[in-house]
Structures are given as C-alpha cells and as structure tokens.
C-alpha cells in the first residue's frame, strides 16, 4: 500500500490540498491521509472552512508521497518548527516529495530544494529564488524525487501526473474523466502573461508577496 500524506496547517488554501487529494484518493493501492500538528479540524485560509487531519505528525513516521500545500498560513512556518521538521524527516524515506503553490517555500525552508529546479505561485517566485532554488516558470516541475506545482489549480495537474507515476496512464486518465477535468476557463487571465496589465497590477497590490519583491 502506497501512503500519500497531505500536510495541513492553519491558513492553508483549500484547493491546494483538495486538488491532489481528489486525484489520488481513488487510486488502487493508494491510501491518502491528511496530517497536521494535531488530529482534528484545521482552519483554512480566510477562516471560512476547515479540513480534518486524520493523524498528527507524531503518528505518521513514513509516507511514500508527501504533499505540502500553500496558503497564507505558510509564512508562519518559514522559520522552522514542527511542520518543517516533520517534512524534512519524512522526506528522507519518501519516494516523492511534492508541493502546491507556496508549499514549495516550506520545502525550501526544510532545505530540500537548494540548487534544484522548482516552481511556485507566480507572485512568490522571488521569495523561492532567495532560498537558492532555480525557479522555473512551468506548471509542474520534476527534479529527481521532488515535484512542485505552480499556483493553486496547478495542484490538480501535479496530482494527475503523479497518479500516472503511481499507477499507469489509463488509470490517471480514468481519474481525470471521473473528475471531468477539462479546463475551459471563461477568461484568459490565468497567468501574469495573459491577464490584462491592470489585473496583474491589482493582484500584486493585494498580495503580501509583492511587498517582499516576489515575481
């Protein structure tokens, strides 16, 4: 049985965690567990929703797949602590260590991405580069056993790509079809390259990362 552990923390972005979960939860021979500092509800970004941690860090000593989502709460872990220590410890025995959005910053804080190719949310690229990471402007980036996804919705893509690695292409395609994942966004504003300049400027103005020089 392959164990995939998805990390939760206060202020996590729900889709960052739920996207990969939905791609992996139905895979044959794969067990998905939400893990946090303590069992129980973990409040998401904005304080208007929560996910439930099935296990605490102390209860999960190994995982074949580790997934670290992002979210505003990520900033509180950049100086270390139980989350970063757990990621570093479990990574030593994992097959794949992954992240979504600013979760890559937590991987960097754990010392796992220095000198590696990785991606993150477009507004946080500058922050990630400061950790000695070679930042790549791609949706999903593989570097050895590390897989990083760009912002939020890219976690679904990462989940599907890894689903193929864990099983096979047909199974991954079945998962995609079951989710009816056939993106046709109503606006061509999904990246800083295609979005209107005024929208990009507004996004930078709203983001804490713009203040810190990201992007």
Foldseek 3Di string as FASTA:
>chain_A
DAEEEEEAAAFFAVLQRVLLCLLFVPAPPYDYFYEYQAFAWHAYRPRPDTDTGPYYLVVDQEGQEYEYEDGPVVVVPLQHDDVLVSLLRHVVHYQAYEYAACSVSSCLSNVNAAPEEEEHEQLCAVVNVVSNHNYDPDQWDDDRRYIYGYHRVSSNVVSLVVSCVVPHNVSSVVSCVVVVPDDDDPDQQPHCVRRPPVVNVVVLVPDPSVVVPGD
